[in-house]
């Protein structure tokens, strides 16, 4: 599993390195959710899925779990 950070801004996910603070990407007023995301694949075809969790201490905003996972998955799978 690979761990990264993410924020949800205007209904879209921005995924970035875990070495960067959430507050360096956006401010609290524009952020709907924030936390960590891991990517994994259990699919025999190698389809990658995201799992969002945790919270941002620099923005004081929590992940919405499955809601955020669904947004990230739709974006990486282009399934709008």
N, C-alpha and C. Protein backbone atom coordinates (compact mmCIF):
# COMPACT_ATOMS: atom_id res chain seq x y z
N UNK A 1 0.84 -1.18 0.00
CA UNK A 1 0.00 0.00 0.00
C UNK A 1 0.88 1.24 0.00
N UNK A 2 0.42 2.25 -0.72
CA UNK A 2 1.10 3.53 -0.77
C UNK A 2 0.23 4.58 -0.09
N UNK A 3 0.81 5.31 0.85
CA UNK A 3 0.05 6.31 1.60
C UNK A 3 0.36 7.70 1.04
N UNK A 4 -0.70 8.47 0.84
CA UNK A 4 -0.58 9.85 0.39
C UNK A 4 -1.58 10.69 1.19
N UNK A 5 -1.57 11.99 0.98
CA UNK A 5 -2.55 12.87 1.59
C UNK A 5 -3.51 13.35 0.51
N UNK A 6 -4.67 13.85 0.95
CA UNK A 6 -5.63 14.39 0.01
C UNK A 6 -6.45 15.49 0.67
N UNK A 7 -7.03 16.34 -0.16
CA UNK A 7 -8.04 17.31 0.26
C UNK A 7 -9.17 17.24 -0.76
N UNK A 8 -10.36 17.58 -0.32
CA UNK A 8 -11.50 17.70 -1.22
C UNK A 8 -11.85 19.18 -1.29
N UNK A 9 -11.77 19.74 -2.50
CA UNK A 9 -12.05 21.16 -2.74
C UNK A 9 -13.04 21.24 -3.89
N UNK A 10 -14.15 21.93 -3.68
CA UNK A 10 -15.19 22.06 -4.72
C UNK A 10 -15.62 20.72 -5.27
N UNK A 11 -15.71 19.71 -4.42
CA UNK A 11 -16.17 18.40 -4.82
C UNK A 11 -15.15 17.53 -5.53
N UNK A 12 -13.94 18.03 -5.69
CA UNK A 12 -12.88 17.27 -6.37
C UNK A 12 -11.73 16.99 -5.42
N UNK A 13 -11.10 15.84 -5.62
CA UNK A 13 -9.98 15.44 -4.78
C UNK A 13 -8.66 15.93 -5.37
N UNK A 14 -7.78 16.35 -4.50
CA UNK A 14 -6.40 16.64 -4.85
C UNK A 14 -5.57 15.71 -3.99
N UNK A 15 -4.81 14.82 -4.63
CA UNK A 15 -3.97 13.85 -3.93
C UNK A 15 -2.53 14.30 -4.07
N UNK A 16 -1.77 14.23 -2.96
CA UNK A 16 -0.39 14.72 -2.99
C UNK A 16 0.47 13.97 -1.98
N UNK A 17 1.74 14.26 -2.00
CA UNK A 17 2.73 13.59 -1.16
C UNK A 17 2.43 13.75 0.34
N UNK A 18 2.67 12.70 1.09
CA UNK A 18 2.51 12.75 2.54
C UNK A 18 3.54 13.66 3.20
N UNK A 19 4.55 14.09 2.47
CA UNK A 19 5.58 14.99 3.00
C UNK A 19 5.13 16.45 3.01
N UNK A 20 4.00 16.75 2.38
CA UNK A 20 3.48 18.12 2.28
C UNK A 20 2.33 18.29 3.26
N UNK A 21 2.26 19.45 3.93
CA UNK A 21 1.15 19.73 4.84
C UNK A 21 -0.11 20.02 4.03
N UNK A 22 -1.24 19.60 4.55
CA UNK A 22 -2.52 19.88 3.91
C UNK A 22 -2.70 21.39 3.69
N UNK A 23 -2.29 22.18 4.69
CA UNK A 23 -2.46 23.63 4.63
C UNK A 23 -1.60 24.29 3.56
N UNK A 24 -0.63 23.57 3.01
CA UNK A 24 0.17 24.10 1.90
C UNK A 24 -0.57 23.96 0.58
N UNK A 25 -1.62 23.14 0.54
CA UNK A 25 -2.39 22.89 -0.67
C UNK A 25 -3.63 23.78 -0.74
N UNK A 26 -4.30 23.97 0.38
CA UNK A 26 -5.52 24.78 0.41
C UNK A 26 -5.71 25.35 1.81
N UNK A 27 -6.68 26.24 1.95
CA UNK A 27 -7.00 26.77 3.27
C UNK A 27 -8.28 26.11 3.79
N UNK A 28 -8.53 26.31 5.07
CA UNK A 28 -9.67 25.64 5.72
C UNK A 28 -11.01 26.06 5.12
N UNK A 29 -11.13 27.31 4.70
CA UNK A 29 -12.40 27.81 4.18
C UNK A 29 -12.80 27.11 2.88
N UNK A 30 -11.83 26.69 2.07
CA UNK A 30 -12.13 26.05 0.78
C UNK A 30 -12.16 24.53 0.85
N UNK A 31 -11.79 23.96 1.98
CA UNK A 31 -11.62 22.52 2.10
C UNK A 31 -12.86 21.86 2.71
N UNK A 32 -13.40 20.87 2.00
CA UNK A 32 -14.56 20.14 2.49
C UNK A 32 -14.18 18.96 3.37
N UNK A 33 -13.04 18.35 3.08
CA UNK A 33 -12.55 17.20 3.84
C UNK A 33 -11.07 17.04 3.55
N UNK A 34 -10.37 16.35 4.46
CA UNK A 34 -8.93 16.14 4.28
C UNK A 34 -8.49 14.95 5.12
N UNK A 35 -7.44 14.31 4.67
CA UNK A 35 -6.90 13.18 5.42
C UNK A 35 -5.85 12.45 4.62
N UNK A 36 -5.79 11.16 4.83
CA UNK A 36 -4.83 10.30 4.15
C UNK A 36 -5.56 9.35 3.23
N UNK A 37 -4.86 8.85 2.23
CA UNK A 37 -5.45 7.89 1.31
C UNK A 37 -4.41 6.83 0.99
N UNK A 38 -4.85 5.59 1.00
CA UNK A 38 -3.99 4.49 0.56
C UNK A 38 -4.60 3.92 -0.72
N UNK A 39 -3.74 3.40 -1.57
CA UNK A 39 -4.16 2.80 -2.82
C UNK A 39 -3.83 1.31 -2.79
N UNK A 40 -4.76 0.51 -3.26
CA UNK A 40 -4.57 -0.94 -3.23
C UNK A 40 -5.30 -1.56 -4.41
N UNK A 41 -4.99 -2.81 -4.68
CA UNK A 41 -5.68 -3.53 -5.74
C UNK A 41 -5.90 -4.97 -5.31
N UNK A 42 -7.14 -5.39 -5.33
CA UNK A 42 -7.48 -6.80 -5.10
C UNK A 42 -8.10 -7.38 -6.37
N UNK A 43 -8.24 -6.55 -7.37
CA UNK A 43 -8.85 -6.92 -8.65
C UNK A 43 -7.84 -7.70 -9.50
N UNK A 44 -8.23 -8.82 -10.09
CA UNK A 44 -7.31 -9.59 -10.93
C UNK A 44 -6.83 -8.81 -12.16
N UNK A 45 -7.60 -7.78 -12.57
CA UNK A 45 -7.20 -6.96 -13.70
C UNK A 45 -6.29 -5.79 -13.27
N UNK A 46 -6.03 -5.67 -11.98
CA UNK A 46 -5.12 -4.64 -11.48
C UNK A 46 -5.76 -3.28 -11.29
N UNK A 47 -7.09 -3.20 -11.23
CA UNK A 47 -7.76 -1.92 -11.01
C UNK A 47 -7.42 -1.43 -9.61
N UNK A 48 -6.95 -0.19 -9.52
CA UNK A 48 -6.53 0.39 -8.24
C UNK A 48 -7.71 1.09 -7.59
N UNK A 49 -7.84 0.90 -6.29
CA UNK A 49 -8.89 1.55 -5.49
C UNK A 49 -8.24 2.40 -4.41
N UNK A 50 -8.99 3.39 -3.94
CA UNK A 50 -8.52 4.28 -2.89
C UNK A 50 -9.32 4.06 -1.61
N UNK A 51 -8.66 4.25 -0.48
CA UNK A 51 -9.33 4.19 0.81
C UNK A 51 -8.89 5.40 1.63
N UNK A 52 -9.85 6.31 1.89
CA UNK A 52 -9.56 7.55 2.61
C UNK A 52 -9.84 7.38 4.10
N UNK A 53 -9.04 8.06 4.91
CA UNK A 53 -9.19 7.95 6.36
C UNK A 53 -8.43 9.08 7.05
N UNK A 54 -8.60 9.21 8.35
CA UNK A 54 -7.80 10.11 9.17
C UNK A 54 -8.28 11.55 9.17
N UNK A 55 -7.33 12.44 9.36
CA UNK A 55 -7.66 13.86 9.43
C UNK A 55 -6.43 14.71 9.15
N UNK A 56 -6.68 15.98 8.91
CA UNK A 56 -5.61 16.95 8.72
C UNK A 56 -5.47 17.76 10.00
N UNK A 57 -4.30 17.71 10.61
CA UNK A 57 -4.06 18.52 11.81
C UNK A 57 -3.80 19.97 11.44
N UNK A 58 -3.18 20.22 10.28
CA UNK A 58 -2.87 21.59 9.89
C UNK A 58 -4.12 22.37 9.49
N UNK A 59 -5.18 21.67 9.04
CA UNK A 59 -6.44 22.32 8.68
C UNK A 59 -7.53 22.08 9.72
N UNK A 60 -7.30 21.11 10.62
CA UNK A 60 -8.30 20.72 11.62
C UNK A 60 -9.61 20.27 10.95
N UNK A 61 -9.46 19.40 9.94
CA UNK A 61 -10.60 18.86 9.20
C UNK A 61 -10.42 17.35 9.10
N UNK A 62 -11.51 16.62 9.23
CA UNK A 62 -11.48 15.16 9.19
C UNK A 62 -11.84 14.62 7.82
N UNK A 63 -11.41 13.40 7.58
CA UNK A 63 -11.82 12.64 6.41
C UNK A 63 -13.28 12.23 6.59
N UNK A 64 -13.98 12.07 5.47
CA UNK A 64 -15.36 11.56 5.52
C UNK A 64 -15.38 10.09 5.11
N UNK A 65 -14.23 9.44 5.16
CA UNK A 65 -14.15 8.00 4.91
C UNK A 65 -14.64 7.59 3.54
N UNK A 66 -15.73 6.82 3.51
CA UNK A 66 -16.22 6.26 2.26
C UNK A 66 -16.65 7.33 1.26
N UNK A 67 -17.21 8.43 1.73
CA UNK A 67 -17.61 9.52 0.83
C UNK A 67 -16.39 10.01 0.04
N UNK A 68 -15.30 10.26 0.75
CA UNK A 68 -14.07 10.74 0.09
C UNK A 68 -13.45 9.65 -0.76
N UNK A 69 -13.48 8.41 -0.28
CA UNK A 69 -12.96 7.28 -1.07
C UNK A 69 -13.68 7.19 -2.41
N UNK A 70 -15.00 7.37 -2.39
CA UNK A 70 -15.79 7.31 -3.62
C UNK A 70 -15.40 8.42 -4.59
N UNK A 71 -15.20 9.63 -4.08
CA UNK A 71 -14.79 10.75 -4.93
C UNK A 71 -13.44 10.46 -5.58
N UNK A 72 -12.48 10.02 -4.78
CA UNK A 72 -11.14 9.73 -5.31
C UNK A 72 -11.22 8.59 -6.32
N UNK A 73 -11.96 7.54 -6.01
CA UNK A 73 -12.10 6.41 -6.94
C UNK A 73 -12.72 6.84 -8.26
N UNK A 74 -13.76 7.67 -8.22
CA UNK A 74 -14.38 8.15 -9.47
C UNK A 74 -13.36 8.91 -10.31
N UNK A 75 -12.54 9.72 -9.67
CA UNK A 75 -11.56 10.50 -10.41
C UNK A 75 -10.46 9.63 -11.02
N UNK A 76 -9.92 8.69 -10.25
CA UNK A 76 -8.82 7.90 -10.80
C UNK A 76 -9.29 6.86 -11.80
N UNK A 77 -10.58 6.47 -11.70
CA UNK A 77 -11.11 5.48 -12.63
C UNK A 77 -11.87 6.13 -13.79
N UNK A 78 -11.97 7.48 -13.79
CA UNK A 78 -12.70 8.22 -14.82
C UNK A 78 -14.12 7.70 -15.00
N UNK A 79 -14.81 7.44 -13.88
CA UNK A 79 -16.15 6.86 -13.95
C UNK A 79 -17.22 7.85 -13.50
N UNK A 80 -17.25 9.01 -14.12
CA UNK A 80 -18.26 10.02 -13.79
C UNK A 80 -19.58 9.69 -14.40
